[in-house]
Amino acid sequence: MTRSMFSTALGVLGLVALLYALYVVQTAQAQPSSSGKPEVRKVKEQPAATVRFEELRTLNSAHWGIYRSKVPGGWLVASFGHSGDMALTFYPDPDHKWDGNSIR
C-alpha cells in the first residue's frame, strides 16, 4: 500500500469520526425540558484530538498494511490492501497488553 492510499484512508476515517462527533454533540445539546421545548446547552470546546497509528510488521502478506492505535479500552486496528480495500475494528484490551504479535 502506498503512503498516499494510507493518507487517503486516514482522511476518510477522520471525516467519519468528525461526522460522528458532530452527531453526538447535536443530540447532546437538544435535551427536552419540562416545557416540552428543547433546552440548548453550551458545550465546552475540546482541543483537537490526535490519533497516532503504529505500523505492525506483517509476514506472509505483502498485500496488506496493518496499523494499530492505543485508544481507551483497547486498540483501534486498521488494515489497508493494495487494491484500496480497508477494514477497521476495535480490539478490546483494557490494560493494553497486546504487543502487536499474533498467536502462533
N, C-alpha and C. Protein backbone atom coordinates (compact mmCIF):
# COMPACT_ATOMS: atom_id res chain seq x y z
N MET A 1 0.84 -1.17 0.00
CA MET A 1 0.00 0.00 0.00
C MET A 1 0.88 1.24 0.00
N THR A 2 0.52 2.19 -0.82
CA THR A 2 1.32 3.40 -0.90
C THR A 2 0.96 4.36 0.22
N ARG A 3 1.85 5.27 0.48
CA ARG A 3 1.57 6.26 1.54
C ARG A 3 0.38 7.14 1.18
N SER A 4 0.19 7.44 -0.10
CA SER A 4 -0.93 8.29 -0.48
C SER A 4 -2.26 7.57 -0.24
N MET A 5 -2.30 6.25 -0.48
CA MET A 5 -3.51 5.49 -0.20
C MET A 5 -3.78 5.47 1.30
N PHE A 6 -2.71 5.29 2.09
CA PHE A 6 -2.85 5.29 3.54
C PHE A 6 -3.35 6.65 4.03
N SER A 7 -2.78 7.72 3.49
CA SER A 7 -3.21 9.07 3.87
C SER A 7 -4.67 9.30 3.51
N THR A 8 -5.08 8.84 2.33
CA THR A 8 -6.48 8.99 1.93
C THR A 8 -7.40 8.22 2.86
N ALA A 9 -7.00 7.00 3.19
CA ALA A 9 -7.81 6.18 4.09
C ALA A 9 -7.92 6.83 5.46
N LEU A 10 -6.81 7.37 5.98
CA LEU A 10 -6.87 8.04 7.28
C LEU A 10 -7.73 9.30 7.20
N GLY A 11 -7.70 9.99 6.07
CA GLY A 11 -8.56 11.15 5.89
C GLY A 11 -10.02 10.76 5.93
N VAL A 12 -10.36 9.65 5.30
CA VAL A 12 -11.75 9.16 5.34
C VAL A 12 -12.14 8.80 6.76
N LEU A 13 -11.23 8.12 7.48
CA LEU A 13 -11.51 7.79 8.88
C LEU A 13 -11.74 9.05 9.71
N GLY A 14 -10.92 10.06 9.48
CA GLY A 14 -11.08 11.31 10.20
C GLY A 14 -12.40 11.98 9.91
N LEU A 15 -12.84 11.95 8.65
CA LEU A 15 -14.12 12.54 8.28
C LEU A 15 -15.27 11.80 8.95
N VAL A 16 -15.20 10.47 8.97
CA VAL A 16 -16.25 9.68 9.64
C VAL A 16 -16.29 10.00 11.13
N ALA A 17 -15.12 10.10 11.75
CA ALA A 17 -15.06 10.44 13.17
C ALA A 17 -15.62 11.83 13.44
N LEU A 18 -15.32 12.78 12.57
CA LEU A 18 -15.84 14.14 12.72
C LEU A 18 -17.36 14.16 12.59
N LEU A 19 -17.90 13.47 11.60
CA LEU A 19 -19.35 13.43 11.43
C LEU A 19 -20.03 12.78 12.64
N TYR A 20 -19.43 11.71 13.17
CA TYR A 20 -19.99 11.07 14.35
C TYR A 20 -19.94 12.02 15.55
N ALA A 21 -18.82 12.73 15.73
CA ALA A 21 -18.70 13.67 16.84
C ALA A 21 -19.74 14.78 16.73
N LEU A 22 -19.96 15.29 15.51
CA LEU A 22 -20.98 16.33 15.33
C LEU A 22 -22.36 15.80 15.67
N TYR A 23 -22.66 14.56 15.29
CA TYR A 23 -23.94 13.95 15.61
C TYR A 23 -24.12 13.84 17.13
N VAL A 24 -23.06 13.39 17.82
CA VAL A 24 -23.13 13.26 19.28
C VAL A 24 -23.35 14.61 19.94
N VAL A 25 -22.64 15.64 19.47
CA VAL A 25 -22.79 16.97 20.04
C VAL A 25 -24.20 17.50 19.80
N GLN A 26 -24.73 17.32 18.60
CA GLN A 26 -26.08 17.80 18.29
C GLN A 26 -27.12 17.12 19.16
N THR A 27 -27.01 15.82 19.32
CA THR A 27 -28.01 15.10 20.13
C THR A 27 -27.84 15.42 21.60
N ALA A 28 -26.63 15.71 22.05
CA ALA A 28 -26.41 16.04 23.45
C ALA A 28 -26.90 17.44 23.78
N GLN A 29 -26.88 18.34 22.81
CA GLN A 29 -27.28 19.72 23.06
C GLN A 29 -28.79 19.86 23.20
N ALA A 30 -29.56 19.12 22.46
CA ALA A 30 -31.01 19.27 22.48
C ALA A 30 -31.62 18.31 23.50
N GLN A 31 -31.82 18.77 24.73
CA GLN A 31 -32.41 17.98 25.79
C GLN A 31 -33.84 18.49 26.05
N PRO A 32 -34.84 17.58 26.14
CA PRO A 32 -36.19 18.04 26.41
C PRO A 32 -36.27 18.67 27.81
N SER A 33 -37.00 19.76 27.92
CA SER A 33 -37.19 20.41 29.21
C SER A 33 -38.62 20.17 29.67
N SER A 34 -38.95 20.66 30.85
CA SER A 34 -40.30 20.47 31.40
C SER A 34 -41.34 21.19 30.56
N SER A 35 -40.94 22.22 29.79
CA SER A 35 -41.89 22.96 28.96
C SER A 35 -42.15 22.25 27.63
N GLY A 36 -41.40 21.16 27.34
CA GLY A 36 -41.58 20.44 26.09
C GLY A 36 -40.70 20.96 24.97
N LYS A 37 -40.10 22.13 25.16
CA LYS A 37 -39.20 22.68 24.14
C LYS A 37 -37.78 22.19 24.42
N PRO A 38 -37.00 21.98 23.37
CA PRO A 38 -35.62 21.55 23.62
C PRO A 38 -34.83 22.61 24.37
N GLU A 39 -34.05 22.16 25.31
CA GLU A 39 -33.19 23.05 26.07
C GLU A 39 -31.78 22.93 25.49
N VAL A 40 -31.25 24.03 25.00
CA VAL A 40 -29.93 24.01 24.37
C VAL A 40 -28.88 24.38 25.41
N ARG A 41 -27.89 23.50 25.53
CA ARG A 41 -26.78 23.77 26.45
C ARG A 41 -25.54 24.09 25.65
N LYS A 42 -24.68 24.91 26.21
CA LYS A 42 -23.40 25.18 25.57
C LYS A 42 -22.46 24.02 25.88
N VAL A 43 -21.75 23.61 24.87
CA VAL A 43 -20.80 22.52 25.02
C VAL A 43 -19.40 23.11 25.05
N LYS A 44 -18.63 22.70 26.06
CA LYS A 44 -17.27 23.19 26.19
C LYS A 44 -16.45 22.71 25.00
N GLU A 45 -15.76 23.61 24.35
CA GLU A 45 -14.93 23.27 23.19
C GLU A 45 -13.72 22.46 23.65
N GLN A 46 -13.48 21.36 22.97
CA GLN A 46 -12.37 20.48 23.29
C GLN A 46 -11.22 20.72 22.31
N PRO A 47 -10.00 20.53 22.78
CA PRO A 47 -8.88 20.64 21.84
C PRO A 47 -8.95 19.52 20.81
N ALA A 48 -8.39 19.74 19.66
CA ALA A 48 -8.40 18.72 18.60
C ALA A 48 -7.66 17.47 19.07
N ALA A 49 -8.24 16.32 18.78
CA ALA A 49 -7.63 15.05 19.17
C ALA A 49 -6.65 14.59 18.09
N THR A 50 -5.68 13.83 18.50
CA THR A 50 -4.72 13.26 17.57
C THR A 50 -4.72 11.75 17.74
N VAL A 51 -4.86 11.04 16.64
CA VAL A 51 -4.79 9.58 16.66
C VAL A 51 -3.48 9.19 15.99
N ARG A 52 -2.66 8.46 16.72
CA ARG A 52 -1.36 8.03 16.20
C ARG A 52 -1.41 6.52 15.95
N PHE A 53 -1.20 6.15 14.70
CA PHE A 53 -1.15 4.75 14.33
C PHE A 53 0.30 4.29 14.24
N GLU A 54 0.54 3.07 14.70
CA GLU A 54 1.85 2.46 14.51
C GLU A 54 1.68 1.29 13.55
N GLU A 55 2.62 1.14 12.65
CA GLU A 55 2.55 0.06 11.66
C GLU A 55 3.02 -1.24 12.30
N LEU A 56 2.24 -2.30 12.08
CA LEU A 56 2.62 -3.62 12.56
C LEU A 56 3.33 -4.37 11.44
N ARG A 57 4.36 -5.06 11.78
CA ARG A 57 5.11 -5.84 10.80
C ARG A 57 4.28 -7.06 10.42
N THR A 58 4.14 -7.31 9.14
CA THR A 58 3.37 -8.47 8.70
C THR A 58 4.26 -9.43 7.92
N LEU A 59 4.09 -10.69 8.21
CA LEU A 59 4.80 -11.75 7.49
C LEU A 59 3.77 -12.46 6.61
N ASN A 60 4.19 -12.97 5.49
CA ASN A 60 3.32 -13.73 4.58
C ASN A 60 2.20 -12.88 4.00
N SER A 61 2.30 -11.58 4.04
CA SER A 61 1.25 -10.74 3.47
C SER A 61 1.85 -9.46 2.92
N ALA A 62 2.23 -9.52 1.68
CA ALA A 62 2.79 -8.33 1.04
C ALA A 62 1.69 -7.41 0.52
N HIS A 63 0.45 -7.85 0.64
CA HIS A 63 -0.66 -7.09 0.07
C HIS A 63 -1.44 -6.28 1.10
N TRP A 64 -1.10 -6.37 2.37
CA TRP A 64 -1.84 -5.65 3.40
C TRP A 64 -0.90 -4.86 4.28
N GLY A 65 -1.35 -3.70 4.73
CA GLY A 65 -0.67 -2.92 5.74
C GLY A 65 -1.57 -2.92 6.96
N ILE A 66 -1.05 -3.25 8.12
CA ILE A 66 -1.85 -3.30 9.34
C ILE A 66 -1.28 -2.30 10.33
N TYR A 67 -2.16 -1.52 10.92
CA TYR A 67 -1.79 -0.44 11.83
C TYR A 67 -2.66 -0.53 13.07
N ARG A 68 -2.15 -0.05 14.20
CA ARG A 68 -2.95 -0.02 15.43
C ARG A 68 -2.72 1.30 16.15
N SER A 69 -3.74 1.68 16.92
CA SER A 69 -3.66 2.90 17.72
C SER A 69 -4.21 2.59 19.10
N LYS A 70 -3.47 2.97 20.13
CA LYS A 70 -3.92 2.76 21.50
C LYS A 70 -5.05 3.76 21.80
N VAL A 71 -6.23 3.23 22.15
CA VAL A 71 -7.38 4.05 22.49
C VAL A 71 -7.94 3.56 23.82
N PRO A 72 -8.77 4.36 24.50
CA PRO A 72 -9.32 3.91 25.77
C PRO A 72 -10.03 2.56 25.64
N GLY A 73 -9.63 1.60 26.46
CA GLY A 73 -10.26 0.29 26.48
C GLY A 73 -9.68 -0.72 25.53
N GLY A 74 -8.70 -0.35 24.70
CA GLY A 74 -8.13 -1.32 23.78
C GLY A 74 -7.38 -0.69 22.63
N TRP A 75 -7.54 -1.30 21.45
CA TRP A 75 -6.81 -0.88 20.26
C TRP A 75 -7.76 -0.65 19.10
N LEU A 76 -7.50 0.38 18.33
CA LEU A 76 -8.17 0.60 17.06
C LEU A 76 -7.23 0.03 16.01
N VAL A 77 -7.71 -0.97 15.27
CA VAL A 77 -6.86 -1.68 14.31
C VAL A 77 -7.38 -1.41 12.90
N ALA A 78 -6.51 -0.97 12.04
CA ALA A 78 -6.87 -0.67 10.65
C ALA A 78 -5.98 -1.49 9.72
N SER A 79 -6.58 -1.99 8.65
CA SER A 79 -5.79 -2.68 7.64
C SER A 79 -6.16 -2.14 6.28
N PHE A 80 -5.16 -2.03 5.43
CA PHE A 80 -5.33 -1.44 4.10
C PHE A 80 -4.69 -2.36 3.08
N GLY A 81 -5.44 -2.67 2.02
CA GLY A 81 -4.92 -3.50 0.95
C GLY A 81 -4.43 -2.67 -0.21
N HIS A 82 -3.57 -3.25 -1.02
CA HIS A 82 -3.02 -2.54 -2.18
C HIS A 82 -4.10 -2.19 -3.20
N SER A 83 -5.21 -2.92 -3.21
CA SER A 83 -6.27 -2.65 -4.17
C SER A 83 -7.26 -1.60 -3.65
N GLY A 84 -6.97 -1.02 -2.50
CA GLY A 84 -7.85 0.01 -1.95
C GLY A 84 -8.80 -0.51 -0.89
N ASP A 85 -8.76 -1.82 -0.59
CA ASP A 85 -9.61 -2.37 0.46
C ASP A 85 -9.18 -1.82 1.81
N MET A 86 -10.16 -1.69 2.71
CA MET A 86 -9.86 -1.17 4.03
C MET A 86 -10.75 -1.84 5.05
N ALA A 87 -10.23 -2.10 6.24
CA ALA A 87 -11.01 -2.66 7.34
C ALA A 87 -10.61 -1.94 8.61
N LEU A 88 -11.57 -1.74 9.49
CA LEU A 88 -11.31 -1.06 10.76
C LEU A 88 -12.07 -1.82 11.84
N THR A 89 -11.41 -2.10 12.95
CA THR A 89 -12.06 -2.80 14.04
C THR A 89 -11.49 -2.33 15.37
N PHE A 90 -12.22 -2.64 16.44
CA PHE A 90 -11.77 -2.33 17.78
C PHE A 90 -11.44 -3.64 18.46
N TYR A 91 -10.25 -3.72 19.04
CA TYR A 91 -9.82 -4.91 19.78
C TYR A 91 -9.81 -4.54 21.27
N PRO A 92 -10.76 -5.11 22.06
CA PRO A 92 -10.80 -4.76 23.48
C PRO A 92 -9.58 -5.32 24.23
N ASP A 93 -8.88 -4.46 24.91
CA ASP A 93 -7.69 -4.83 25.68
C ASP A 93 -7.47 -3.70 26.69
N PRO A 94 -8.27 -3.67 27.77
CA PRO A 94 -8.24 -2.53 28.71
C PRO A 94 -6.85 -2.21 29.27
N ASP A 95 -6.01 -3.22 29.44
CA ASP A 95 -4.69 -2.98 30.01
C ASP A 95 -3.61 -2.83 28.94
N HIS A 96 -4.02 -2.84 27.66
CA HIS A 96 -3.10 -2.69 26.53
C HIS A 96 -1.92 -3.67 26.63
N LYS A 97 -2.25 -4.94 26.87
CA LYS A 97 -1.23 -5.98 26.98
C LYS A 97 -0.79 -6.53 25.63
N TRP A 98 -1.60 -6.35 24.59
CA TRP A 98 -1.26 -6.88 23.27
C TRP A 98 -0.01 -6.20 22.75
N ASP A 99 0.99 -7.01 22.42
CA ASP A 99 2.27 -6.45 21.96
C ASP A 99 2.32 -6.30 20.44
N GLY A 100 1.23 -6.61 19.75
CA GLY A 100 1.19 -6.47 18.30
C GLY A 100 1.45 -7.76 17.56
N ASN A 101 1.89 -8.79 18.28
CA ASN A 101 2.16 -10.08 17.64
C ASN A 101 0.89 -10.92 17.60
N SER A 102 0.81 -11.80 16.60
CA SER A 102 -0.28 -12.76 16.56
C SER A 102 0.13 -14.02 17.32
N ILE A 103 -0.87 -14.83 17.67
CA ILE A 103 -0.60 -16.07 18.41
C ILE A 103 -0.17 -17.12 17.40
N ARG A 104 0.85 -17.87 17.70
CA ARG A 104 1.33 -18.90 16.78
C ARG A 104 0.53 -20.16 16.92
